[in-house]
N, C-alpha and C. Protein backbone atom coordinates (compact mmCIF):
# COMPACT_ATOMS: atom_id res chain seq x y z
N MET A 1 124.55 -104.62 -226.42
CA MET A 1 125.66 -103.74 -226.65
C MET A 1 126.64 -103.76 -225.48
N LEU A 2 126.13 -103.76 -224.25
CA LEU A 2 127.02 -103.79 -223.10
C LEU A 2 127.77 -105.11 -222.98
N GLU A 3 127.23 -106.17 -223.54
CA GLU A 3 127.88 -107.47 -223.45
C GLU A 3 129.21 -107.49 -224.20
N SER A 4 129.38 -106.63 -225.20
CA SER A 4 130.62 -106.60 -225.97
C SER A 4 131.72 -105.83 -225.26
N LEU A 5 131.40 -105.10 -224.20
CA LEU A 5 132.40 -104.33 -223.45
C LEU A 5 133.12 -105.24 -222.46
N PRO A 6 134.37 -104.91 -222.15
CA PRO A 6 135.09 -105.68 -221.12
C PRO A 6 134.40 -105.55 -219.76
N GLN A 7 134.59 -106.55 -218.91
CA GLN A 7 133.94 -106.60 -217.61
C GLN A 7 134.31 -105.39 -216.75
N SER A 8 135.54 -104.92 -216.81
CA SER A 8 135.96 -103.79 -215.99
C SER A 8 135.19 -102.52 -216.36
N ILE A 9 134.94 -102.31 -217.64
CA ILE A 9 134.19 -101.13 -218.08
C ILE A 9 132.73 -101.26 -217.67
N ARG A 10 132.16 -102.45 -217.77
CA ARG A 10 130.77 -102.66 -217.32
C ARG A 10 130.64 -102.37 -215.83
N ASP A 11 131.63 -102.80 -215.05
CA ASP A 11 131.60 -102.54 -213.61
C ASP A 11 131.67 -101.05 -213.32
N GLU A 12 132.51 -100.33 -214.04
CA GLU A 12 132.63 -98.88 -213.87
C GLU A 12 131.33 -98.17 -214.26
N LEU A 13 130.69 -98.61 -215.34
CA LEU A 13 129.40 -98.03 -215.75
C LEU A 13 128.33 -98.25 -214.69
N HIS A 14 128.29 -99.46 -214.15
CA HIS A 14 127.31 -99.77 -213.10
C HIS A 14 127.56 -98.90 -211.87
N ALA A 15 128.82 -98.72 -211.49
CA ALA A 15 129.14 -97.90 -210.32
C ALA A 15 128.75 -96.44 -210.55
N ALA A 16 128.99 -95.93 -211.77
CA ALA A 16 128.62 -94.55 -212.07
C ALA A 16 127.11 -94.36 -212.07
N GLN A 17 126.37 -95.33 -212.60
CA GLN A 17 124.90 -95.25 -212.60
C GLN A 17 124.37 -95.30 -211.18
N SER A 18 124.93 -96.16 -210.35
CA SER A 18 124.49 -96.26 -208.96
C SER A 18 124.76 -94.97 -208.20
N LYS A 19 125.92 -94.36 -208.45
CA LYS A 19 126.26 -93.10 -207.77
C LYS A 19 125.33 -91.97 -208.19
N ALA A 20 124.99 -91.90 -209.49
CA ALA A 20 124.06 -90.88 -209.97
C ALA A 20 122.67 -91.09 -209.41
N ALA A 21 122.23 -92.33 -209.31
CA ALA A 21 120.91 -92.62 -208.76
C ALA A 21 120.86 -92.29 -207.27
N ALA A 22 121.96 -92.52 -206.56
CA ALA A 22 121.99 -92.23 -205.12
C ALA A 22 121.86 -90.75 -204.84
N LYS A 23 122.38 -89.91 -205.73
CA LYS A 23 122.29 -88.47 -205.53
C LYS A 23 120.86 -87.96 -205.64
N LYS A 24 120.08 -88.52 -206.55
CA LYS A 24 118.72 -88.01 -206.75
C LYS A 24 117.65 -88.78 -205.98
N ALA A 25 117.98 -89.94 -205.45
CA ALA A 25 116.99 -90.74 -204.72
C ALA A 25 116.85 -90.24 -203.29
N ARG A 26 115.63 -90.05 -202.86
CA ARG A 26 115.37 -89.63 -201.49
C ARG A 26 114.64 -90.70 -200.71
N LEU A 27 114.01 -91.65 -201.40
CA LEU A 27 113.25 -92.68 -200.71
C LEU A 27 114.19 -93.68 -200.04
N ARG A 28 113.81 -94.08 -198.82
CA ARG A 28 114.58 -95.08 -198.12
C ARG A 28 113.64 -95.93 -197.28
N VAL A 29 114.08 -97.12 -196.98
CA VAL A 29 113.30 -98.03 -196.15
C VAL A 29 114.09 -98.28 -194.87
N GLU A 30 113.38 -98.32 -193.74
CA GLU A 30 114.01 -98.59 -192.46
C GLU A 30 113.43 -99.87 -191.87
N ALA A 31 114.34 -100.76 -191.46
CA ALA A 31 113.93 -102.01 -190.83
C ALA A 31 115.00 -102.41 -189.83
N ASN A 32 114.59 -102.83 -188.66
CA ASN A 32 115.51 -103.30 -187.62
C ASN A 32 116.59 -102.27 -187.29
N GLY A 33 116.25 -100.99 -187.31
CA GLY A 33 117.20 -99.94 -186.98
C GLY A 33 118.18 -99.60 -188.09
N GLU A 34 118.08 -100.24 -189.24
CA GLU A 34 118.96 -99.98 -190.40
C GLU A 34 118.17 -99.25 -191.48
N SER A 35 118.87 -98.45 -192.29
CA SER A 35 118.23 -97.69 -193.37
C SER A 35 118.88 -98.08 -194.70
N TYR A 36 118.03 -98.28 -195.74
CA TYR A 36 118.50 -98.68 -197.07
C TYR A 36 117.84 -97.79 -198.12
N ARG A 37 118.62 -97.37 -199.13
CA ARG A 37 118.11 -96.50 -200.19
C ARG A 37 117.29 -97.32 -201.17
N ILE A 38 116.09 -96.80 -201.53
CA ILE A 38 115.21 -97.46 -202.49
C ILE A 38 115.57 -96.98 -203.89
N ASP A 39 115.86 -97.94 -204.78
CA ASP A 39 116.18 -97.60 -206.17
C ASP A 39 114.93 -97.33 -206.99
N ARG A 40 113.89 -98.14 -206.76
CA ARG A 40 112.70 -98.05 -207.61
C ARG A 40 111.48 -98.43 -206.77
N MET A 41 110.40 -97.65 -206.91
CA MET A 41 109.13 -97.91 -206.24
C MET A 41 108.11 -98.32 -207.28
N THR A 42 107.30 -99.32 -206.99
CA THR A 42 106.20 -99.72 -207.86
C THR A 42 104.91 -99.72 -207.05
N GLY A 43 103.82 -100.05 -207.70
CA GLY A 43 102.54 -100.11 -207.00
C GLY A 43 102.45 -101.29 -206.05
N THR A 44 103.25 -102.33 -206.30
CA THR A 44 103.18 -103.54 -205.48
C THR A 44 104.40 -103.76 -204.61
N GLY A 45 105.40 -102.87 -204.70
CA GLY A 45 106.60 -103.06 -203.89
C GLY A 45 107.68 -102.06 -204.22
N PHE A 46 108.92 -102.44 -203.91
CA PHE A 46 110.07 -101.58 -204.16
C PHE A 46 111.29 -102.45 -204.42
N ALA A 47 112.35 -101.82 -204.94
CA ALA A 47 113.58 -102.54 -205.25
C ALA A 47 114.78 -101.83 -204.62
N LEU A 48 115.72 -102.63 -204.12
CA LEU A 48 116.97 -102.14 -203.55
C LEU A 48 118.13 -102.67 -204.39
N ASP A 49 119.27 -101.98 -204.32
CA ASP A 49 120.47 -102.47 -204.99
C ASP A 49 120.88 -103.79 -204.36
N ILE A 50 121.28 -104.75 -205.16
CA ILE A 50 121.57 -106.10 -204.68
C ILE A 50 122.73 -106.10 -203.67
N GLU A 51 123.66 -105.15 -203.80
CA GLU A 51 124.79 -105.09 -202.87
C GLU A 51 124.37 -104.65 -201.47
N ASP A 52 123.35 -103.80 -201.38
CA ASP A 52 122.88 -103.29 -200.09
C ASP A 52 121.72 -104.08 -199.52
N ALA A 53 121.11 -104.93 -200.32
CA ALA A 53 119.83 -105.54 -199.96
C ALA A 53 119.98 -106.60 -198.88
N PRO A 54 119.27 -106.41 -197.77
CA PRO A 54 119.24 -107.45 -196.73
C PRO A 54 118.08 -108.40 -197.00
N LYS A 55 117.95 -109.40 -196.17
CA LYS A 55 116.80 -110.31 -196.24
C LYS A 55 115.68 -109.70 -195.40
N LEU A 56 114.93 -108.78 -196.00
CA LEU A 56 113.84 -108.10 -195.29
C LEU A 56 112.60 -108.98 -195.27
N ARG A 57 111.95 -109.01 -194.12
CA ARG A 57 110.64 -109.63 -193.96
C ARG A 57 109.94 -108.90 -192.83
N GLY A 58 108.63 -108.83 -192.90
CA GLY A 58 107.88 -108.23 -191.82
C GLY A 58 107.60 -106.76 -192.03
N LEU A 59 107.50 -106.03 -190.94
CA LEU A 59 107.08 -104.64 -190.95
C LEU A 59 108.26 -103.70 -191.19
N VAL A 60 108.13 -102.80 -192.18
CA VAL A 60 109.16 -101.81 -192.48
C VAL A 60 108.51 -100.45 -192.65
N ASP A 61 109.30 -99.39 -192.51
CA ASP A 61 108.82 -98.02 -192.70
C ASP A 61 109.52 -97.42 -193.91
N ILE A 62 108.77 -96.66 -194.72
CA ILE A 62 109.31 -95.99 -195.90
C ILE A 62 109.30 -94.49 -195.64
N TYR A 63 110.45 -93.84 -195.93
CA TYR A 63 110.62 -92.41 -195.71
C TYR A 63 111.01 -91.73 -197.01
N ASP A 64 110.53 -90.50 -197.18
CA ASP A 64 110.95 -89.62 -198.28
C ASP A 64 111.73 -88.50 -197.64
N GLY A 65 113.03 -88.61 -197.64
CA GLY A 65 113.86 -87.67 -196.88
C GLY A 65 113.62 -87.92 -195.40
N GLY A 66 113.10 -86.94 -194.69
CA GLY A 66 112.79 -87.10 -193.28
C GLY A 66 111.31 -87.33 -193.00
N ARG A 67 110.49 -87.33 -194.05
CA ARG A 67 109.04 -87.47 -193.89
C ARG A 67 108.62 -88.94 -193.97
N HIS A 68 107.90 -89.42 -192.95
CA HIS A 68 107.40 -90.79 -192.92
C HIS A 68 106.26 -90.91 -193.93
N VAL A 69 106.43 -91.77 -194.95
CA VAL A 69 105.45 -91.91 -196.02
C VAL A 69 104.47 -93.03 -195.73
N SER A 70 104.99 -94.22 -195.40
CA SER A 70 104.09 -95.35 -195.18
C SER A 70 104.75 -96.42 -194.34
N GLN A 71 103.90 -97.31 -193.84
CA GLN A 71 104.35 -98.48 -193.11
C GLN A 71 103.89 -99.69 -193.91
N CYS A 72 104.79 -100.62 -194.17
CA CYS A 72 104.49 -101.72 -195.08
C CYS A 72 104.81 -103.07 -194.44
N LEU A 73 104.08 -104.08 -194.88
CA LEU A 73 104.37 -105.45 -194.50
C LEU A 73 104.95 -106.14 -195.73
N ILE A 74 106.19 -106.60 -195.62
CA ILE A 74 106.90 -107.23 -196.72
C ILE A 74 106.68 -108.73 -196.65
N VAL A 75 106.29 -109.34 -197.77
CA VAL A 75 106.04 -110.78 -197.76
C VAL A 75 106.90 -111.56 -198.73
N ALA A 76 107.41 -110.96 -199.79
CA ALA A 76 108.17 -111.72 -200.78
C ALA A 76 109.32 -110.90 -201.32
N ALA A 77 110.39 -111.60 -201.72
CA ALA A 77 111.54 -110.94 -202.33
C ALA A 77 112.10 -111.85 -203.42
N ALA A 78 112.56 -111.23 -204.50
CA ALA A 78 113.17 -111.97 -205.60
C ALA A 78 114.26 -111.12 -206.22
N GLN A 79 115.31 -111.78 -206.70
CA GLN A 79 116.39 -111.05 -207.36
C GLN A 79 116.02 -110.83 -208.82
N ASN A 80 116.20 -109.58 -209.29
CA ASN A 80 115.92 -109.22 -210.67
C ASN A 80 117.13 -108.47 -211.20
N GLY A 81 118.08 -109.18 -211.77
CA GLY A 81 119.29 -108.55 -212.28
C GLY A 81 120.14 -108.00 -211.15
N GLU A 82 120.37 -106.69 -211.16
CA GLU A 82 121.19 -106.03 -210.15
C GLU A 82 120.37 -105.51 -208.97
N GLN A 83 119.09 -105.91 -208.88
CA GLN A 83 118.22 -105.41 -207.81
C GLN A 83 117.53 -106.56 -207.09
N MET A 84 117.22 -106.32 -205.80
CA MET A 84 116.40 -107.22 -205.02
C MET A 84 115.03 -106.57 -204.91
N VAL A 85 113.99 -107.26 -205.38
CA VAL A 85 112.64 -106.70 -205.43
C VAL A 85 111.81 -107.28 -204.28
N TYR A 86 111.20 -106.39 -203.50
CA TYR A 86 110.35 -106.77 -202.36
C TYR A 86 108.91 -106.42 -202.71
N GLU A 87 107.97 -107.25 -202.27
CA GLU A 87 106.54 -107.01 -202.54
C GLU A 87 105.80 -106.77 -201.24
N PHE A 88 104.75 -105.93 -201.34
CA PHE A 88 103.93 -105.60 -200.18
C PHE A 88 102.79 -106.59 -200.02
N LYS A 89 102.48 -106.91 -198.79
CA LYS A 89 101.20 -107.54 -198.47
C LYS A 89 100.24 -106.45 -198.02
N ARG A 90 100.82 -105.46 -197.33
CA ARG A 90 100.04 -104.31 -196.87
C ARG A 90 100.91 -103.08 -196.98
N ASN A 91 100.32 -101.98 -197.46
CA ASN A 91 101.02 -100.70 -197.56
C ASN A 91 100.07 -99.63 -197.03
N THR A 92 100.33 -99.14 -195.83
CA THR A 92 99.46 -98.19 -195.17
C THR A 92 100.12 -96.82 -195.13
N ALA A 93 99.42 -95.82 -195.65
CA ALA A 93 99.96 -94.45 -195.65
C ALA A 93 100.05 -93.95 -194.21
N ALA A 94 101.12 -93.25 -193.92
CA ALA A 94 101.33 -92.70 -192.58
C ALA A 94 100.64 -91.35 -192.48
N GLY A 95 99.97 -91.12 -191.37
CA GLY A 95 99.30 -89.85 -191.13
C GLY A 95 100.14 -88.97 -190.23
N ASP A 96 99.88 -87.67 -190.28
CA ASP A 96 100.65 -86.76 -189.43
C ASP A 96 99.97 -86.47 -188.10
N GLY A 97 98.80 -87.02 -187.89
CA GLY A 97 98.09 -86.82 -186.63
C GLY A 97 97.31 -88.07 -186.26
N ALA A 98 96.73 -88.03 -185.07
CA ALA A 98 95.93 -89.17 -184.63
C ALA A 98 94.62 -89.21 -185.40
N PRO A 99 94.13 -90.41 -185.75
CA PRO A 99 92.86 -90.49 -186.46
C PRO A 99 91.71 -90.07 -185.56
N LEU A 100 90.71 -89.42 -186.15
CA LEU A 100 89.54 -88.98 -185.40
C LEU A 100 88.49 -90.08 -185.43
N ASP A 101 87.77 -90.22 -184.33
CA ASP A 101 86.69 -91.20 -184.31
C ASP A 101 85.33 -90.51 -184.38
N PHE A 102 85.32 -89.26 -184.87
CA PHE A 102 84.08 -88.52 -185.06
C PHE A 102 84.26 -87.57 -186.24
N GLU A 103 83.14 -87.08 -186.76
CA GLU A 103 83.19 -86.14 -187.88
C GLU A 103 83.36 -84.72 -187.35
N ARG A 104 84.31 -84.00 -187.90
CA ARG A 104 84.55 -82.62 -187.49
C ARG A 104 83.76 -81.71 -188.43
N LEU A 105 82.87 -80.88 -187.87
CA LEU A 105 82.04 -79.99 -188.67
C LEU A 105 82.86 -78.81 -189.20
N GLU A 106 82.49 -78.32 -190.39
CA GLU A 106 83.22 -77.20 -190.99
C GLU A 106 83.08 -75.92 -190.19
N ASN A 107 81.88 -75.62 -189.69
CA ASN A 107 81.64 -74.37 -188.99
C ASN A 107 81.70 -74.52 -187.47
N ALA A 108 82.34 -75.56 -186.98
CA ALA A 108 82.46 -75.77 -185.53
C ALA A 108 83.45 -74.75 -184.96
N PRO A 109 83.21 -74.29 -183.72
CA PRO A 109 84.13 -73.32 -183.12
C PRO A 109 85.51 -73.98 -182.89
N ILE A 110 86.55 -73.18 -183.04
CA ILE A 110 87.91 -73.67 -182.85
C ILE A 110 88.24 -73.80 -181.37
N ALA A 111 87.80 -72.82 -180.59
CA ALA A 111 88.08 -72.83 -179.16
C ALA A 111 86.97 -72.10 -178.42
N LEU A 112 86.86 -72.32 -177.13
CA LEU A 112 85.90 -71.61 -176.29
C LEU A 112 86.64 -70.58 -175.48
N LEU A 113 86.09 -69.38 -175.40
CA LEU A 113 86.72 -68.31 -174.62
C LEU A 113 86.12 -68.28 -173.22
N GLY A 114 86.99 -68.23 -172.24
CA GLY A 114 86.56 -68.18 -170.85
C GLY A 114 86.22 -66.75 -170.46
N ARG A 115 85.56 -66.58 -169.32
CA ARG A 115 85.21 -65.24 -168.85
C ARG A 115 86.27 -64.64 -168.01
């Protein structure tokens, strides 16, 4: 159906869809000090708009607003229509604290009181 429309109208529709998606999208990827909005997340990767998409490779960080969600290793990218799709080799969830190297007991004291 869109193929029967003039090119100028198709371009305007694409711009309006991109603007609407940008308002509701909070996910972004950061690499080399630059930040890019994520259009779509999948279990094996993510997609960026082809106009904004750089040639990403290596280690990147994914954020949801200001919250660090995960750190990923990007290994492959392919163009799929109006999007550049990147795939993960590794996707590690980000923690908010340092990992413990021991088991913390449920009934352990929180602190010791001095005399």
